[in-house]
Amino acid sequence: MKVRIGISTTDKLLEIEVDDASKFKKEMEKAVAEGGLGWFTDAKGRTVGIPARSIAFIEMDDTESGRAVGFAPAV
């Protein structure tokens, strides 16, 4: 699952891929509650540290469900 994390002090967007979405959510919630640093290892084995106070948003994209594409009728 792709996860995009916006960093509030900059226009930087961090994108990682995680294997277990529920584990990632729990770890992020814990880091935010404690105001600390969350450490995560992505699907490719890279480790990323994220300071909870710098997180602007977290967006999770389930790539396995696919995306629906539609077209509105012409008027």
PDB file of N, CA and C in Angstrom:
ATOM      1  N   MET A   1       0.843  -1.160   0.000  1.00  0.00           N
ATOM      2  CA  MET A   1       0.000   0.000   0.000  1.00  0.00           C
ATOM      3  C   MET A   1       0.897   1.234   0.000  1.00  0.00           C
ATOM      4  N   LYS A   2       0.600   2.175  -0.865  1.00  0.00           N
ATOM      5  CA  LYS A   2       1.346   3.424  -0.912  1.00  0.00           C
ATOM      6  C   LYS A   2       0.833   4.361   0.170  1.00  0.00           C
ATOM      7  N   VAL A   3       1.784   4.998   0.843  1.00  0.00           N
ATOM      8  CA  VAL A   3       1.467   5.983   1.866  1.00  0.00           C
ATOM      9  C   VAL A   3       2.223   7.257   1.524  1.00  0.00           C
ATOM     10  N   ARG A   4       1.498   8.365   1.479  1.00  0.00           N
ATOM     11  CA  ARG A   4       2.110   9.661   1.243  1.00  0.00           C
ATOM     12  C   ARG A   4       1.928  10.497   2.505  1.00  0.00           C
ATOM     13  N   ILE A   5       3.039  11.098   2.952  1.00  0.00           N
ATOM     14  CA  ILE A   5       3.032  11.884   4.177  1.00  0.00           C
ATOM     15  C   ILE A   5       3.513  13.283   3.838  1.00  0.00           C
ATOM     16  N   GLY A   6       2.661  14.256   4.107  1.00  0.00           N
ATOM     17  CA  GLY A   6       3.025  15.648   3.887  1.00  0.00           C
ATOM     18  C   GLY A   6       3.752  16.185   5.106  1.00  0.00           C
ATOM     19  N   ILE A   7       4.836  16.905   4.878  1.00  0.00           N
ATOM     20  CA  ILE A   7       5.627  17.482   5.955  1.00  0.00           C
ATOM     21  C   ILE A   7       5.279  18.969   6.042  1.00  0.00           C
ATOM     22  N   SER A   8       4.835  19.410   7.240  1.00  0.00           N
ATOM     23  CA  SER A   8       4.278  20.752   7.398  1.00  0.00           C
ATOM     24  C   SER A   8       5.296  21.873   7.271  1.00  0.00           C
ATOM     25  N   THR A   9       6.538  21.657   7.589  1.00  0.00           N
ATOM     26  CA  THR A   9       7.534  22.727   7.564  1.00  0.00           C
ATOM     27  C   THR A   9       8.156  22.938   6.190  1.00  0.00           C
ATOM     28  N   THR A  10       7.736  22.154   5.231  1.00  0.00           N
ATOM     29  CA  THR A  10       8.283  22.245   3.882  1.00  0.00           C
ATOM     30  C   THR A  10       7.230  21.766   2.895  1.00  0.00           C
ATOM     31  N   ASP A  11       7.493  21.905   1.623  1.00  0.00           N
ATOM     32  CA  ASP A  11       6.555  21.399   0.614  1.00  0.00           C
ATOM     33  C   ASP A  11       6.886  19.959   0.226  1.00  0.00           C
ATOM     34  N   LYS A  12       7.722  19.324   1.017  1.00  0.00           N
ATOM     35  CA  LYS A  12       8.158  17.950   0.735  1.00  0.00           C
ATOM     36  C   LYS A  12       7.039  16.950   0.999  1.00  0.00           C
ATOM     37  N   LEU A  13       6.972  15.950   0.141  1.00  0.00           N
ATOM     38  CA  LEU A  13       6.017  14.864   0.263  1.00  0.00           C
ATOM     39  C   LEU A  13       6.809  13.570   0.310  1.00  0.00           C
ATOM     40  N   LEU A  14       6.644  12.821   1.393  1.00  0.00           N
ATOM     41  CA  LEU A  14       7.340  11.560   1.562  1.00  0.00           C
ATOM     42  C   LEU A  14       6.412  10.441   1.118  1.00  0.00           C
ATOM     43  N   GLU A  15       6.888   9.591   0.231  1.00  0.00           N
ATOM     44  CA  GLU A  15       6.076   8.473  -0.249  1.00  0.00           C
ATOM     45  C   GLU A  15       6.796   7.167   0.062  1.00  0.00           C
ATOM     46  N   ILE A  16       6.117   6.298   0.813  1.00  0.00           N
ATOM     47  CA  ILE A  16       6.670   4.991   1.129  1.00  0.00           C
ATOM     48  C   ILE A  16       5.628   3.939   0.801  1.00  0.00           C
ATOM     49  N   GLU A  17       6.066   2.716   0.729  1.00  0.00           N
ATOM     50  CA  GLU A  17       5.149   1.604   0.505  1.00  0.00           C
ATOM     51  C   GLU A  17       5.240   0.689   1.713  1.00  0.00           C
ATOM     52  N   VAL A  18       4.090   0.366   2.301  1.00  0.00           N
ATOM     53  CA  VAL A  18       4.059  -0.480   3.496  1.00  0.00           C
ATOM     54  C   VAL A  18       3.310  -1.765   3.190  1.00  0.00           C
ATOM     55  N   ASP A  19       3.688  -2.821   3.898  1.00  0.00           N
ATOM     56  CA  ASP A  19       3.037  -4.112   3.715  1.00  0.00           C
ATOM     57  C   ASP A  19       1.766  -4.239   4.545  1.00  0.00           C
ATOM     58  N   ASP A  20       1.777  -3.686   5.759  1.00  0.00           N
ATOM     59  CA  ASP A  20       0.679  -3.860   6.702  1.00  0.00           C
ATOM     60  C   ASP A  20       0.106  -2.496   7.072  1.00  0.00           C
ATOM     61  N   ALA A  21      -1.030  -2.139   6.479  1.00  0.00           N
ATOM     62  CA  ALA A  21      -1.640  -0.822   6.697  1.00  0.00           C
ATOM     63  C   ALA A  21      -2.086  -0.631   8.137  1.00  0.00           C
ATOM     64  N   SER A  22      -2.668  -1.646   8.748  1.00  0.00           N
ATOM     65  CA  SER A  22      -3.157  -1.492  10.118  1.00  0.00           C
ATOM     66  C   SER A  22      -1.997  -1.304  11.099  1.00  0.00           C
ATOM     67  N   LYS A  23      -0.902  -1.993  10.882  1.00  0.00           N
ATOM     68  CA  LYS A  23       0.284  -1.822  11.732  1.00  0.00           C
ATOM     69  C   LYS A  23       0.841  -0.414  11.571  1.00  0.00           C
ATOM     70  N   PHE A  24       0.894   0.059  10.338  1.00  0.00           N
ATOM     71  CA  PHE A  24       1.386   1.410  10.073  1.00  0.00           C
ATOM     72  C   PHE A  24       0.521   2.446  10.778  1.00  0.00           C
ATOM     73  N   LYS A  25      -0.804   2.297  10.685  1.00  0.00           N
ATOM     74  CA  LYS A  25      -1.715   3.242  11.340  1.00  0.00           C
ATOM     75  C   LYS A  25      -1.498   3.264  12.849  1.00  0.00           C
ATOM     76  N   LYS A  26      -1.383   2.102  13.463  1.00  0.00           N
ATOM     77  CA  LYS A  26      -1.177   2.022  14.909  1.00  0.00           C
ATOM     78  C   LYS A  26       0.134   2.689  15.318  1.00  0.00           C
ATOM     79  N   GLU A  27       1.190   2.439  14.561  1.00  0.00           N
ATOM     80  CA  GLU A  27       2.479   3.033  14.875  1.00  0.00           C
ATOM     81  C   GLU A  27       2.448   4.550  14.696  1.00  0.00           C
ATOM     82  N   MET A  28       1.763   5.033  13.663  1.00  0.00           N
ATOM     83  CA  MET A  28       1.647   6.480  13.452  1.00  0.00           C
ATOM     84  C   MET A  28       0.834   7.122  14.570  1.00  0.00           C
ATOM     85  N   GLU A  29      -0.270   6.489  14.952  1.00  0.00           N
ATOM     86  CA  GLU A  29      -1.092   7.028  16.039  1.00  0.00           C
ATOM     87  C   GLU A  29      -0.300   7.095  17.340  1.00  0.00           C
ATOM     88  N   LYS A  30       0.504   6.082  17.605  1.00  0.00           N
ATOM     89  CA  LYS A  30       1.329   6.065  18.814  1.00  0.00           C
ATOM     90  C   LYS A  30       2.359   7.193  18.770  1.00  0.00           C
ATOM     91  N   ALA A  31       3.018   7.366  17.637  1.00  0.00           N
ATOM     92  CA  ALA A  31       4.024   8.417  17.496  1.00  0.00           C
ATOM     93  C   ALA A  31       3.406   9.800  17.666  1.00  0.00           C
ATOM     94  N   VAL A  32       2.220  10.015  17.099  1.00  0.00           N
ATOM     95  CA  VAL A  32       1.549  11.309  17.209  1.00  0.00           C
ATOM     96  C   VAL A  32       1.119  11.555  18.651  1.00  0.00           C
ATOM     97  N   ALA A  33       0.555  10.542  19.314  1.00  0.00           N
ATOM     98  CA  ALA A  33       0.099  10.683  20.696  1.00  0.00           C
ATOM     99  C   ALA A  33       1.260  11.006  21.635  1.00  0.00           C
ATOM    100  N   GLU A  34       2.403  10.383  21.394  1.00  0.00           N
ATOM    101  CA  GLU A  34       3.572  10.603  22.243  1.00  0.00           C
ATOM    102  C   GLU A  34       4.372  11.832  21.818  1.00  0.00           C
ATOM    103  N   GLY A  35       4.077  12.374  20.645  1.00  0.00           N
ATOM    104  CA  GLY A  35       4.810  13.529  20.145  1.00  0.00           C
ATOM    105  C   GLY A  35       6.245  13.219  19.786  1.00  0.00           C
ATOM    106  N   GLY A  36       6.514  11.979  19.506  1.00  0.00           N
ATOM    107  CA  GLY A  36       7.888  11.552  19.240  1.00  0.00           C
ATOM    108  C   GLY A  36       8.191  11.373  17.774  1.00  0.00           C
ATOM    109  N   LEU A  37       9.042  10.412  17.543  1.00  0.00           N
ATOM    110  CA  LEU A  37       9.520  10.101  16.206  1.00  0.00           C
ATOM    111  C   LEU A  37       9.045   8.702  15.842  1.00  0.00           C
ATOM    112  N   GLY A  38       8.400   8.569  14.711  1.00  0.00           N
ATOM    113  CA  GLY A  38       7.959   7.260  14.236  1.00  0.00           C
ATOM    114  C   GLY A  38       8.964   6.704  13.253  1.00  0.00           C
ATOM    115  N   TRP A  39       9.411   5.481  13.486  1.00  0.00           N
ATOM    116  CA  TRP A  39      10.347   4.811  12.574  1.00  0.00           C
ATOM    117  C   TRP A  39       9.604   3.720  11.836  1.00  0.00           C
ATOM    118  N   PHE A  40       9.755   3.688  10.517  1.00  0.00           N
ATOM    119  CA  PHE A  40       9.040   2.732   9.690  1.00  0.00           C
ATOM    120  C   PHE A  40       9.980   2.144   8.654  1.00  0.00           C
ATOM    121  N   THR A  41       9.767   0.875   8.368  1.00  0.00           N
ATOM    122  CA  THR A  41      10.519   0.200   7.318  1.00  0.00           C
ATOM    123  C   THR A  41       9.541  -0.103   6.199  1.00  0.00           C
ATOM    124  N   ASP A  42       9.835   0.377   5.010  1.00  0.00           N
ATOM    125  CA  ASP A  42       8.910   0.188   3.902  1.00  0.00           C
ATOM    126  C   ASP A  42       9.089  -1.186   3.267  1.00  0.00           C
ATOM    127  N   ALA A  43       8.305  -1.450   2.245  1.00  0.00           N
ATOM    128  CA  ALA A  43       8.296  -2.761   1.592  1.00  0.00           C
ATOM    129  C   ALA A  43       9.630  -3.094   0.928  1.00  0.00           C
ATOM    130  N   LYS A  44      10.451  -2.098   0.624  1.00  0.00           N
ATOM    131  CA  LYS A  44      11.739  -2.331  -0.014  1.00  0.00           C
ATOM    132  C   LYS A  44      12.880  -2.394   0.991  1.00  0.00           C
ATOM    133  N   GLY A  45      12.550  -2.321   2.293  1.00  0.00           N
ATOM    134  CA  GLY A  45      13.566  -2.445   3.318  1.00  0.00           C
ATOM    135  C   GLY A  45      14.201  -1.146   3.776  1.00  0.00           C
ATOM    136  N   ARG A  46      13.745  -0.010   3.274  1.00  0.00           N
ATOM    137  CA  ARG A  46      14.283   1.281   3.690  1.00  0.00           C
ATOM    138  C   ARG A  46      13.625   1.702   4.995  1.00  0.00           C
ATOM    139  N   THR A  47      14.407   2.300   5.896  1.00  0.00           N
ATOM    140  CA  THR A  47      13.883   2.781   7.162  1.00  0.00           C
ATOM    141  C   THR A  47      13.780   4.298   7.118  1.00  0.00           C
ATOM    142  N   VAL A  48      12.634   4.813   7.563  1.00  0.00           N
ATOM    143  CA  VAL A  48      12.356   6.242   7.512  1.00  0.00           C
ATOM    144  C   VAL A  48      11.897   6.688   8.894  1.00  0.00           C
ATOM    145  N   GLY A  49      12.471   7.777   9.407  1.00  0.00           N
ATOM    146  CA  GLY A  49      12.042   8.370  10.670  1.00  0.00           C
ATOM    147  C   GLY A  49      11.225   9.619  10.390  1.00  0.00           C
ATOM    148  N   ILE A  50      10.062   9.729  11.031  1.00  0.00           N
ATOM    149  CA  ILE A  50       9.173  10.860  10.795  1.00  0.00           C
ATOM    150  C   ILE A  50       8.843  11.525  12.129  1.00  0.00           C
ATOM    151  N   PRO A  51       9.213  12.798  12.337  1.00  0.00           N
ATOM    152  CA  PRO A  51       8.828  13.493  13.561  1.00  0.00           C
ATOM    153  C   PRO A  51       7.330  13.799  13.530  1.00  0.00           C
ATOM    154  N   ALA A  52       6.624  13.361  14.544  1.00  0.00           N
ATOM    155  CA  ALA A  52       5.166  13.478  14.567  1.00  0.00           C
ATOM    156  C   ALA A  52       4.697  14.927  14.476  1.00  0.00           C
ATOM    157  N   ARG A  53       5.421  15.852  15.077  1.00  0.00           N
ATOM    158  CA  ARG A  53       4.987  17.258  15.070  1.00  0.00           C
ATOM    159  C   ARG A  53       5.088  17.905  13.690  1.00  0.00           C
ATOM    160  N   SER A  54       5.803  17.273  12.768  1.00  0.00           N
ATOM    161  CA  SER A  54       5.988  17.829  11.426  1.00  0.00           C
ATOM    162  C   SER A  54       5.017  17.267  10.398  1.00  0.00           C
ATOM    163  N   ILE A  55       4.142  16.359  10.802  1.00  0.00           N
ATOM    164  CA  ILE A  55       3.228  15.728   9.857  1.00  0.00           C
ATOM    165  C   ILE A  55       2.045  16.648   9.572  1.00  0.00           C
ATOM    166  N   ALA A  56       1.842  16.974   8.304  1.00  0.00           N
ATOM    167  CA  ALA A  56       0.700  17.787   7.890  1.00  0.00           C
ATOM    168  C   ALA A  56      -0.495  16.898   7.554  1.00  0.00           C
ATOM    169  N   PHE A  57      -0.240  15.783   6.860  1.00  0.00           N
ATOM    170  CA  PHE A  57      -1.302  14.844   6.511  1.00  0.00           C
ATOM    171  C   PHE A  57      -0.706  13.496   6.165  1.00  0.00           C
ATOM    172  N   ILE A  58      -1.561  12.476   6.199  1.00  0.00           N
ATOM    173  CA  ILE A  58      -1.180  11.120   5.788  1.00  0.00           C
ATOM    174  C   ILE A  58      -2.246  10.632   4.820  1.00  0.00           C
ATOM    175  N   GLU A  59      -1.822  10.198   3.663  1.00  0.00           N
ATOM    176  CA  GLU A  59      -2.740   9.697   2.640  1.00  0.00           C
ATOM    177  C   GLU A  59      -2.355   8.270   2.307  1.00  0.00           C
ATOM    178  N   MET A  60      -3.325   7.376   2.400  1.00  0.00           N
ATOM    179  CA  MET A  60      -3.066   5.971   2.117  1.00  0.00           C
ATOM    180  C   MET A  60      -3.823   5.582   0.859  1.00  0.00           C
ATOM    181  N   ASP A  61      -3.125   4.915  -0.063  1.00  0.00           N
ATOM    182  CA  ASP A  61      -3.693   4.544  -1.353  1.00  0.00           C
ATOM    183  C   ASP A  61      -3.592   3.041  -1.531  1.00  0.00           C
ATOM    184  N   ASP A  62      -4.733   2.370  -1.512  1.00  0.00           N
ATOM    185  CA  ASP A  62      -4.755   0.922  -1.694  1.00  0.00           C
ATOM    186  C   ASP A  62      -4.679   0.635  -3.190  1.00  0.00           C
ATOM    187  N   THR A  63      -3.490   0.362  -3.683  1.00  0.00           N
ATOM    188  CA  THR A  63      -3.290   0.162  -5.117  1.00  0.00           C
ATOM    189  C   THR A  63      -3.880  -1.146  -5.616  1.00  0.00           C
ATOM    190  N   GLU A  64      -4.141  -2.078  -4.705  1.00  0.00           N
ATOM    191  CA  GLU A  64      -4.682  -3.366  -5.129  1.00  0.00           C
ATOM    192  C   GLU A  64      -6.161  -3.294  -5.489  1.00  0.00           C
ATOM    193  N   SER A  65      -6.871  -2.310  -4.940  1.00  0.00           N
ATOM    194  CA  SER A  65      -8.306  -2.219  -5.225  1.00  0.00           C
ATOM    195  C   SER A  65      -8.566  -1.620  -6.600  1.00  0.00           C
ATOM    196  N   GLY A  66      -7.554  -1.011  -7.189  1.00  0.00           N
ATOM    197  CA  GLY A  66      -7.721  -0.421  -8.508  1.00  0.00           C
ATOM    198  C   GLY A  66      -8.425   0.910  -8.428  1.00  0.00           C
ATOM    199  N   ARG A  67      -8.477   1.584  -9.533  1.00  0.00           N
ATOM    200  CA  ARG A  67      -9.132   2.877  -9.588  1.00  0.00           C
ATOM    201  C   ARG A  67     -10.263   2.811 -10.579  1.00  0.00           C
ATOM    202  N   ALA A  68     -11.358   3.395 -10.195  1.00  0.00           N
ATOM    203  CA  ALA A  68     -12.504   3.450 -11.096  1.00  0.00           C
ATOM    204  C   ALA A  68     -12.344   4.635 -12.041  1.00  0.00           C
ATOM    205  N   VAL A  69     -12.632   4.409 -13.275  1.00  0.00           N
ATOM    206  CA  VAL A  69     -12.561   5.469 -14.276  1.00  0.00           C
ATOM    207  C   VAL A  69     -13.935   5.606 -14.876  1.00  0.00           C
ATOM    208  N   GLY A  70     -14.412   6.824 -14.942  1.00  0.00           N
ATOM    209  CA  GLY A  70     -15.749   7.022 -15.505  1.00  0.00           C
ATOM    210  C   GLY A  70     -15.777   8.283 -16.332  1.00  0.00           C
ATOM    211  N   PHE A  71     -16.791   8.372 -17.152  1.00  0.00           N
ATOM    212  CA  PHE A  71     -16.958   9.536 -18.006  1.00  0.00           C
ATOM    213  C   PHE A  71     -18.382  10.034 -17.862  1.00  0.00           C
ATOM    214  N   ALA A  72     -18.507  11.322 -17.729  1.00  0.00           N
ATOM    215  CA  ALA A  72     -19.837  11.922 -17.627  1.00  0.00           C
ATOM    216  C   ALA A  72     -20.438  12.007 -19.020  1.00  0.00           C
ATOM    217  N   PRO A  73     -21.753  11.886 -19.110  1.00  0.00           N
ATOM    218  CA  PRO A  73     -22.374  12.003 -20.450  1.00  0.00           C
ATOM    219  C   PRO A  73     -22.201  13.414 -21.008  1.00  0.00           C
ATOM    220  N   ALA A  74     -21.993  13.498 -22.301  1.00  0.00           N
ATOM    221  CA  ALA A  74     -21.840  14.795 -22.943  1.00  0.00           C
ATOM    222  C   ALA A  74     -23.161  15.545 -22.946  1.00  0.00           C
ATOM    223  N   VAL A  75     -23.076  16.838 -22.744  1.00  0.00           N
ATOM    224  CA  VAL A  75     -24.289  17.665 -22.703  1.00  0.00           C
ATOM    225  C   VAL A  75     -24.393  18.492 -23.959  1.00  0.00           C
TER     226      VAL A  75
END
